[in-house]
Amino acid sequence: MNHALPIVILLVEDSPTARFHVQVCLKKGLQNSYSLLQAENLAVAISTLRKNSVDIVLLDLNLPDSNGLDTFRRLAHISAGAAIVIISGDTDEQMAVNAVRLGAQDYIVKGAGFTAEVLGRTVHFAIERNARHLLEKELASVRLDLEIADTIQQRLYPRSESKFPNVSLAGRCSSATHNCGDYYDYITRPDGSLLVVIGDVSGHGIGPAMMMVETRAFLRALASSSMPLGEILTHINRLIADDMQQQLFVTLFVASLDASGQQLSYSSAGHPGYLVKPDGRVVTLQTDNTPLGISPLETYPTASVSEFAPGDLLALFTDGISEATHDHQDFLGEQRVLDEVVSGRELPAPAILESMFTLAERFNGTATQQDDRTAVVVKTAAKPI
């Protein structure tokens, strides 16, 4: 309720004496400015509610055309969220209590206790409680929607590790909120090659999550063609640039292992990949291209990795891992993440992935996770001697 506007009160009461008493009490007991609508029966009350926005209804349960709790039920059904306070006779106070159990905010018993002070206080608290109840109900609905969206989104991530020959894959996403703007995927193309993708939409929450789903859909559709990686990113960029309108952008890295597992190529939209050699040397894989969604005219090349050899390891991670903070001051940093990968390079891909997340979580300590965290580890088998 906006307190700058007058409170709109609907008084539903068939007794002229009772209506006059309520008007006197409202004038004396209510400090807020208000406007008063009146109805002598339920039919008029329902018609009034359909034509007017009402903050609170003062309701007598026993009317010429309706009696008891049925009066409350019928009016509450069309009250559009207005607070309802029951005006009860001393002989039907229990009925008023039952109405409160069904959702009325409060009740007042006619008689000596029905004073201006009591009515003013009851109206004020009923409106405040009702506003809080409506807000809690709305938040619960929003929370449920977010949980459903998160469940759907989780199903879009790879359900099982790829069975690509001589390659071990491990990936994980940990969202900072209900919905995640990070993305990772494994896609087998018609020519038998394997695409490994990681992406990060700026920000986090429902908006970035929706853009992540759109990016995933475009990439999976285009991956079914024979397009080179760079051409795929160029097409995706053109498709989402209008939707983004420069409010969001997507950093994305996509790598392709050919069917033999002997050749690696990639394309990058503002997101690096890291090739870790068996001797611990790290080769950064990245182009100078901007993230997706910034310029519809951007074109993305496909790059071949000349240094790729069996036994190499590809590490991909979003800045939610590298920018984990300690005491809100120090960033973990890409180098420390890479040092962790290098030190565990002989471990299986799932173990390396676990160590990356553990590093970020320990560095973050008890602080709240500020950004989505995603990583993918691709470990190729060495050639047999």
Protein backbone atom coordinates (compact mmCIF):
# COMPACT_ATOMS: atom_id res chain seq x y z
CA MET A 1 0.00 0.00 0.00
CA ASN A 2 1.21 3.49 -0.85
CA HIS A 3 0.85 5.59 2.33
CA ALA A 4 0.99 8.81 0.27
CA LEU A 5 -2.49 7.93 -1.03
CA PRO A 6 -5.67 7.81 1.06
CA ILE A 7 -6.62 4.42 2.47
CA VAL A 8 -9.69 3.07 0.68
CA ILE A 9 -12.06 1.37 3.13
CA LEU A 10 -15.15 -0.63 2.25
CA LEU A 11 -17.67 -0.94 5.08
CA VAL A 12 -20.10 -3.84 4.58
CA GLU A 13 -22.79 -3.46 7.22
CA ASP A 14 -26.61 -3.55 6.98
CA SER A 15 -27.32 -1.70 10.25
CA PRO A 16 -27.54 2.12 9.88
CA THR A 17 -26.65 2.53 13.56
CA ALA A 18 -23.55 0.34 13.24
CA ARG A 19 -22.49 2.16 10.03
CA PHE A 20 -22.78 5.53 11.78
CA HIS A 21 -20.74 4.26 14.76
CA VAL A 22 -17.98 2.98 12.46
CA GLN A 23 -17.84 6.32 10.62
CA VAL A 24 -17.47 8.23 13.90
CA CYS A 25 -14.75 5.88 15.13
CA LEU A 26 -12.85 6.09 11.84
CA LYS A 27 -12.92 9.88 11.89
CA LYS A 28 -11.57 9.98 15.44
CA GLY A 29 -9.28 6.96 15.46
CA LEU A 30 -7.63 6.87 12.05
CA GLN A 31 -4.73 9.24 11.59
CA ASN A 32 -4.21 8.33 7.93
CA SER A 33 -6.33 10.05 5.31
CA TYR A 34 -8.97 7.69 3.95
CA SER A 35 -11.98 7.39 1.71
CA LEU A 36 -14.98 5.30 2.73
CA LEU A 37 -17.19 3.15 0.52
CA GLN A 38 -20.30 1.50 1.94
CA ALA A 39 -22.42 -1.53 1.12
CA GLU A 40 -25.58 -2.76 2.87
CA ASN A 41 -25.40 -6.31 1.53
CA LEU A 42 -22.98 -8.77 -0.04
CA ALA A 43 -24.14 -8.23 -3.62
CA VAL A 44 -23.40 -4.50 -3.43
CA ALA A 45 -20.08 -5.23 -1.69
CA ILE A 46 -19.02 -7.58 -4.49
CA SER A 47 -20.02 -5.05 -7.14
CA THR A 48 -18.09 -2.32 -5.31
CA LEU A 49 -14.94 -4.48 -5.10
CA ARG A 50 -15.10 -5.20 -8.80
CA LYS A 51 -15.24 -1.49 -9.62
CA ASN A 52 -12.79 -0.13 -7.02
CA SER A 53 -9.34 -0.83 -5.62
CA VAL A 54 -9.86 -1.33 -1.89
CA ASP A 55 -7.21 -1.56 0.86
CA ILE A 56 -9.39 -2.95 3.65
CA VAL A 57 -12.90 -4.34 4.10
CA LEU A 58 -14.77 -3.99 7.41
CA LEU A 59 -17.22 -6.89 7.14
CA ASP A 60 -20.33 -7.87 9.06
CA LEU A 61 -20.78 -11.61 8.48
CA ASN A 62 -24.57 -11.57 8.84
CA LEU A 63 -26.13 -9.66 5.96
CA PRO A 64 -29.58 -9.72 4.35
CA ASP A 65 -28.32 -11.85 1.44
CA SER A 66 -25.60 -13.92 3.14
CA ASN A 67 -24.78 -15.33 6.57
CA GLY A 68 -21.82 -16.63 8.52
CA LEU A 69 -18.53 -17.87 7.11
CA ASP A 70 -20.03 -18.17 3.64
CA THR A 71 -20.12 -14.36 3.60
CA PHE A 72 -16.41 -14.21 4.27
CA ARG A 73 -15.55 -16.91 1.72
CA ARG A 74 -17.53 -15.29 -1.08
CA LEU A 75 -16.13 -11.83 -0.45
CA ALA A 76 -12.54 -13.00 0.10
CA HIS A 77 -12.70 -14.81 -3.24
CA ILE A 78 -13.04 -11.52 -5.16
CA SER A 79 -11.35 -9.11 -2.72
CA ALA A 80 -8.19 -8.81 -4.88
CA GLY A 81 -5.90 -9.03 -1.87
CA ALA A 82 -7.63 -6.45 0.33
CA ALA A 83 -7.30 -6.91 4.09
CA ILE A 84 -10.52 -8.07 5.76
CA VAL A 85 -11.52 -7.25 9.34
CA ILE A 86 -14.65 -8.89 10.72
CA ILE A 87 -17.17 -6.78 12.63
CA SER A 88 -18.73 -9.28 14.98
CA GLY A 89 -21.67 -9.30 17.32
CA ASP A 90 -20.98 -10.54 20.84
CA THR A 91 -23.02 -13.68 20.15
CA ASP A 92 -21.03 -14.79 17.10
CA GLU A 93 -17.47 -14.00 18.19
CA GLN A 94 -16.42 -17.62 17.61
CA MET A 95 -17.52 -17.30 14.01
CA ALA A 96 -15.28 -14.24 13.67
CA VAL A 97 -12.37 -16.23 15.11
CA ASN A 98 -13.02 -18.93 12.52
CA ALA A 99 -12.98 -16.29 9.77
CA VAL A 100 -9.55 -15.19 10.96
CA ARG A 101 -8.39 -18.79 10.71
CA LEU A 102 -9.62 -18.79 7.12
CA GLY A 103 -7.64 -15.66 6.26
CA ALA A 104 -9.25 -12.56 7.75
CA GLN A 105 -6.68 -10.26 9.31
CA ASP A 106 -8.56 -9.51 12.54
CA TYR A 107 -11.98 -8.98 14.12
CA ILE A 108 -13.66 -6.45 16.38
CA VAL A 109 -16.66 -7.21 18.63
CA LYS A 110 -19.49 -4.69 18.63
CA GLY A 111 -20.20 -3.13 21.98
CA ALA A 112 -18.34 -1.15 24.62
CA GLY A 113 -14.93 -2.32 23.38
CA PHE A 114 -15.55 -0.98 19.86
CA THR A 115 -13.84 2.40 20.30
CA ALA A 116 -12.17 4.85 17.94
CA GLU A 117 -8.75 3.89 19.30
CA VAL A 118 -9.37 0.16 18.87
CA LEU A 119 -10.75 0.55 15.34
CA GLY A 120 -7.90 2.84 14.24
CA ARG A 121 -5.26 0.50 15.59
CA THR A 122 -6.99 -2.57 14.09
CA VAL A 123 -7.25 -1.00 10.64
CA HIS A 124 -3.62 0.09 10.71
CA PHE A 125 -2.22 -3.28 11.80
CA ALA A 126 -4.54 -5.26 9.50
CA ILE A 127 -3.32 -3.35 6.45
CA GLU A 128 0.33 -3.76 7.48
CA ARG A 129 -0.04 -7.48 8.19
CA ASN A 130 -1.90 -8.01 4.94
CA ALA A 131 0.77 -6.17 2.95
CA ARG A 132 3.45 -8.34 4.55
CA HIS A 133 1.42 -11.49 3.82
CA LEU A 134 0.96 -10.52 0.17
CA LEU A 135 4.67 -9.80 -0.16
CA GLU A 136 5.60 -13.14 1.41
CA LYS A 137 3.17 -14.89 -0.93
CA GLU A 138 4.65 -13.12 -3.95
CA LEU A 139 8.20 -13.93 -2.86
CA ALA A 140 7.27 -17.57 -2.35
CA SER A 141 5.83 -17.66 -5.87
CA VAL A 142 8.96 -16.04 -7.31
CA ARG A 143 11.16 -18.45 -5.36
CA LEU A 144 9.19 -21.41 -6.72
CA ASP A 145 9.52 -20.07 -10.28
CA LEU A 146 13.28 -19.68 -9.81
CA GLU A 147 13.59 -23.20 -8.43
CA ILE A 148 11.67 -24.61 -11.40
CA ALA A 149 13.83 -22.61 -13.82
CA ASP A 150 16.97 -23.84 -12.04
CA THR A 151 15.79 -27.46 -12.28
CA ILE A 152 15.18 -27.08 -16.01
CA GLN A 153 18.55 -25.38 -16.48
CA GLN A 154 20.43 -28.10 -14.60
CA ARG A 155 19.00 -30.65 -17.03
CA LEU A 156 20.64 -28.74 -19.91
CA TYR A 157 24.15 -29.49 -18.65
CA PRO A 158 25.76 -32.75 -19.81
CA ARG A 159 24.15 -35.62 -17.89
CA SER A 160 27.08 -37.97 -18.33
CA GLU A 161 30.70 -37.76 -19.37
CA SER A 162 31.45 -38.14 -23.07
CA LYS A 163 32.54 -41.58 -24.30
CA PHE A 164 34.92 -40.01 -26.84
CA PRO A 165 37.83 -42.41 -27.47
CA ASN A 166 41.01 -41.84 -25.44
CA VAL A 167 39.61 -38.70 -23.78
CA SER A 168 38.63 -38.18 -20.14
CA LEU A 169 36.17 -35.33 -19.50
CA ALA A 170 34.93 -33.71 -16.31
CA GLY A 171 32.81 -30.60 -15.93
CA ARG A 172 30.80 -28.85 -13.21
CA CYS A 173 28.84 -25.68 -12.61
CA SER A 174 28.15 -24.13 -9.19
CA SER A 175 25.77 -21.18 -9.39
CA ALA A 176 25.91 -18.19 -7.06
CA THR A 177 22.11 -17.81 -7.14
CA HIS A 178 19.16 -20.00 -8.12
CA ASN A 179 19.86 -19.45 -11.82
CA CYS A 180 23.22 -19.57 -13.52
CA GLY A 181 24.76 -17.50 -16.32
CA ASP A 182 27.61 -19.99 -16.86
CA TYR A 183 27.51 -22.74 -19.46
CA TYR A 184 29.49 -25.82 -20.36
CA ASP A 185 28.78 -28.59 -22.79
CA TYR A 186 30.13 -31.59 -24.72
CA ILE A 187 28.75 -32.06 -28.24
CA THR A 188 29.57 -34.83 -30.72
CA ARG A 189 29.33 -33.51 -34.29
CA PRO A 190 28.19 -35.48 -37.36
CA ASP A 191 31.81 -35.87 -38.53
CA GLY A 192 32.70 -37.61 -35.26
CA SER A 193 34.58 -34.68 -33.74
CA LEU A 194 34.00 -33.60 -30.15
CA LEU A 195 33.15 -30.02 -29.18
CA VAL A 196 33.93 -28.88 -25.64
CA VAL A 197 32.36 -25.54 -24.68
CA ILE A 198 32.52 -23.16 -21.74
CA GLY A 199 30.73 -19.81 -21.53
CA ASP A 200 29.94 -17.03 -19.08
CA VAL A 201 27.14 -14.48 -19.46
CA SER A 202 27.91 -11.21 -17.68
CA GLY A 203 26.21 -10.98 -14.30
CA HIS A 204 24.21 -13.76 -12.69
CA GLY A 205 20.56 -14.49 -12.02
CA ILE A 206 17.51 -15.08 -14.19
CA GLY A 207 18.43 -12.65 -17.03
CA PRO A 208 21.90 -14.09 -17.71
CA ALA A 209 20.49 -17.60 -17.25
CA MET A 210 17.97 -16.96 -20.04
CA MET A 211 20.73 -15.71 -22.33
CA MET A 212 22.83 -18.78 -21.47
CA VAL A 213 19.96 -21.06 -22.53
CA GLU A 214 19.57 -19.12 -25.79
CA THR A 215 23.31 -19.31 -26.51
CA ARG A 216 23.31 -23.06 -25.82
CA ALA A 217 20.36 -23.61 -28.16
CA PHE A 218 22.02 -21.71 -31.02
CA LEU A 219 25.36 -23.47 -30.52
CA ARG A 220 23.85 -26.95 -30.44
CA ALA A 221 21.78 -26.24 -33.56
CA LEU A 222 24.77 -24.92 -35.51
CA ALA A 223 27.07 -27.69 -34.26
CA SER A 224 24.95 -30.19 -36.20
CA SER A 225 26.21 -28.56 -39.42
CA SER A 226 29.67 -28.74 -40.95
CA MET A 227 30.52 -25.10 -40.10
CA PRO A 228 34.02 -24.35 -38.77
CA LEU A 229 34.12 -23.23 -35.13
CA GLY A 230 34.76 -19.57 -35.92
CA GLU A 231 31.84 -19.44 -38.32
CA ILE A 232 29.58 -20.96 -35.65
CA LEU A 233 30.53 -18.21 -33.18
CA THR A 234 30.11 -15.54 -35.86
CA HIS A 235 26.56 -16.73 -36.53
CA ILE A 236 25.69 -16.97 -32.83
CA ASN A 237 27.01 -13.46 -32.26
CA ARG A 238 24.77 -12.05 -34.98
CA LEU A 239 21.78 -13.92 -33.63
CA ILE A 240 22.09 -12.75 -30.02
CA ALA A 241 23.48 -9.22 -30.56
CA ASP A 242 19.98 -7.76 -31.00
CA ASP A 243 18.66 -9.60 -27.94
CA MET A 244 21.57 -8.43 -25.79
CA GLN A 245 21.29 -4.77 -26.87
CA GLN A 246 24.71 -4.28 -25.23
CA GLN A 247 23.20 -4.86 -21.78
CA LEU A 248 24.72 -8.35 -21.45
CA PHE A 249 27.51 -10.18 -23.21
CA VAL A 250 28.80 -13.75 -23.39
CA THR A 251 32.42 -14.84 -23.17
CA LEU A 252 32.76 -18.24 -24.79
CA PHE A 253 35.47 -20.74 -25.66
CA VAL A 254 34.85 -23.74 -27.88
CA ALA A 255 37.42 -26.42 -28.69
CA SER A 256 37.18 -29.27 -31.18
CA LEU A 257 38.96 -32.62 -31.05
CA ASP A 258 38.83 -34.47 -34.36
CA ALA A 259 37.52 -38.02 -34.49
CA SER A 260 41.03 -39.44 -34.12
CA GLY A 261 41.75 -37.32 -31.05
CA GLN A 262 44.98 -36.16 -32.69
CA GLN A 263 44.07 -32.60 -33.72
CA LEU A 264 42.75 -29.73 -31.62
CA SER A 265 41.24 -26.49 -32.93
CA TYR A 266 39.39 -23.72 -31.12
CA SER A 267 37.61 -20.39 -31.37
CA SER A 268 37.34 -17.82 -28.61
CA ALA A 269 34.97 -14.95 -27.85
CA GLY A 270 36.79 -13.18 -25.05
CA HIS A 271 37.36 -16.38 -23.08
CA PRO A 272 40.73 -18.19 -22.75
CA GLY A 273 41.53 -21.87 -22.66
CA TYR A 274 44.72 -23.38 -21.24
CA LEU A 275 46.64 -26.28 -22.72
CA VAL A 276 48.78 -28.00 -20.08
CA LYS A 277 51.64 -30.07 -21.46
CA PRO A 278 52.87 -33.25 -19.73
CA ASP A 279 56.02 -31.39 -18.59
CA GLY A 280 53.90 -28.72 -16.84
CA ARG A 281 54.22 -26.00 -19.47
CA VAL A 282 51.04 -23.97 -20.04
CA VAL A 283 49.97 -22.63 -23.46
CA THR A 284 47.22 -19.99 -23.41
CA LEU A 285 44.63 -20.41 -26.19
CA GLN A 286 42.81 -17.19 -26.99
CA THR A 287 42.08 -14.78 -29.84
CA ASP A 288 41.66 -11.01 -29.66
CA ASN A 289 37.95 -11.15 -30.40
CA THR A 290 35.31 -9.48 -28.23
CA PRO A 291 32.65 -11.43 -26.31
CA LEU A 292 29.43 -12.38 -28.08
CA GLY A 293 26.62 -9.84 -28.14
CA ILE A 294 28.69 -6.65 -28.25
CA SER A 295 29.09 -6.05 -32.00
CA PRO A 296 26.97 -7.89 -34.61
CA LEU A 297 29.73 -7.27 -37.18
CA GLU A 298 32.42 -9.19 -35.28
CA THR A 299 33.86 -12.23 -37.07
CA TYR A 300 35.55 -15.07 -35.23
CA PRO A 301 38.40 -17.17 -36.67
CA THR A 302 39.11 -20.86 -36.16
CA ALA A 303 42.59 -21.47 -34.77
CA SER A 304 44.54 -24.73 -34.90
CA VAL A 305 46.74 -25.80 -31.98
CA SER A 306 50.08 -26.75 -33.54
CA GLU A 307 51.53 -27.83 -30.19
CA PHE A 308 48.73 -30.27 -29.37
CA ALA A 309 49.86 -33.83 -28.70
CA PRO A 310 48.39 -36.91 -27.01
CA GLY A 311 48.80 -36.62 -23.25
CA ASP A 312 47.97 -32.91 -23.21
CA LEU A 313 45.36 -31.51 -20.86
CA LEU A 314 42.85 -28.74 -21.63
CA ALA A 315 41.69 -26.68 -18.64
CA LEU A 316 38.72 -24.30 -18.96
CA PHE A 317 37.22 -22.22 -16.16
CA THR A 318 35.13 -19.10 -15.65
CA ASP A 319 36.13 -16.08 -13.59
CA GLY A 320 33.89 -17.23 -10.74
CA ILE A 321 36.78 -19.56 -9.88
CA SER A 322 39.75 -17.29 -10.63
CA GLU A 323 38.06 -14.28 -9.00
CA ALA A 324 37.09 -16.02 -5.77
CA THR A 325 37.86 -13.49 -3.05
CA HIS A 326 39.54 -13.69 0.34
CA ASP A 327 38.22 -11.21 2.94
CA HIS A 328 36.68 -9.26 0.02
CA GLN A 329 40.13 -7.93 -0.85
CA ASP A 330 42.34 -10.41 -2.70
CA PHE A 331 41.46 -12.38 -5.86
CA LEU A 332 42.55 -15.99 -6.20
CA GLY A 333 43.82 -15.25 -9.70
CA GLU A 334 44.24 -17.34 -12.85
CA GLN A 335 47.85 -18.21 -12.06
CA ARG A 336 47.03 -19.94 -8.79
CA VAL A 337 44.27 -21.92 -10.50
CA LEU A 338 46.69 -22.97 -13.24
CA ASP A 339 49.33 -23.89 -10.67
CA GLU A 340 46.74 -26.20 -9.07
CA VAL A 341 46.00 -27.82 -12.42
CA VAL A 342 49.68 -28.21 -13.27
CA SER A 343 50.49 -29.78 -9.90
CA GLY A 344 47.73 -32.35 -10.36
CA ARG A 345 48.10 -32.89 -14.11
CA GLU A 346 48.79 -36.61 -13.71
CA LEU A 347 45.53 -37.16 -11.81
CA PRO A 348 42.28 -38.23 -13.55
CA ALA A 349 40.19 -35.40 -15.00
CA PRO A 350 37.48 -35.58 -12.24
CA ALA A 351 40.16 -35.27 -9.53
CA ILE A 352 41.70 -32.22 -11.22
CA LEU A 353 38.25 -30.65 -11.53
CA GLU A 354 37.55 -31.29 -7.85
CA SER A 355 40.84 -29.68 -6.84
CA MET A 356 39.97 -26.49 -8.78
CA PHE A 357 36.64 -26.09 -6.99
CA THR A 358 38.17 -26.96 -3.62
CA LEU A 359 40.86 -24.32 -4.15
CA ALA A 360 38.26 -21.62 -4.87
CA GLU A 361 36.04 -22.67 -1.96
CA ARG A 362 38.91 -22.69 0.54
CA PHE A 363 40.20 -19.35 -0.71
CA ASN A 364 36.71 -17.89 -0.45
CA GLY A 365 36.39 -19.13 3.13
CA THR A 366 33.11 -18.27 4.84
CA ALA A 367 32.34 -15.37 2.50
CA THR A 368 29.29 -15.59 0.22
CA GLN A 369 29.99 -16.89 -3.27
CA GLN A 370 29.69 -13.83 -5.50
CA ASP A 371 29.75 -15.36 -8.98
CA ASP A 372 28.90 -18.57 -10.80
CA ARG A 373 31.76 -21.08 -10.93
CA THR A 374 32.26 -23.44 -13.85
CA ALA A 375 35.19 -25.55 -15.03
CA VAL A 376 35.88 -28.27 -17.56
CA VAL A 377 38.94 -30.54 -17.74
CA VAL A 378 39.74 -32.49 -20.93
CA LYS A 379 42.53 -35.02 -20.54
CA THR A 380 43.80 -36.92 -23.57
CA ALA A 381 45.50 -40.29 -23.32
CA ALA A 382 49.21 -40.43 -24.14
CA LYS A 383 50.38 -42.47 -27.08
CA PRO A 384 51.45 -45.97 -26.00
CA ILE A 385 55.22 -46.46 -26.12
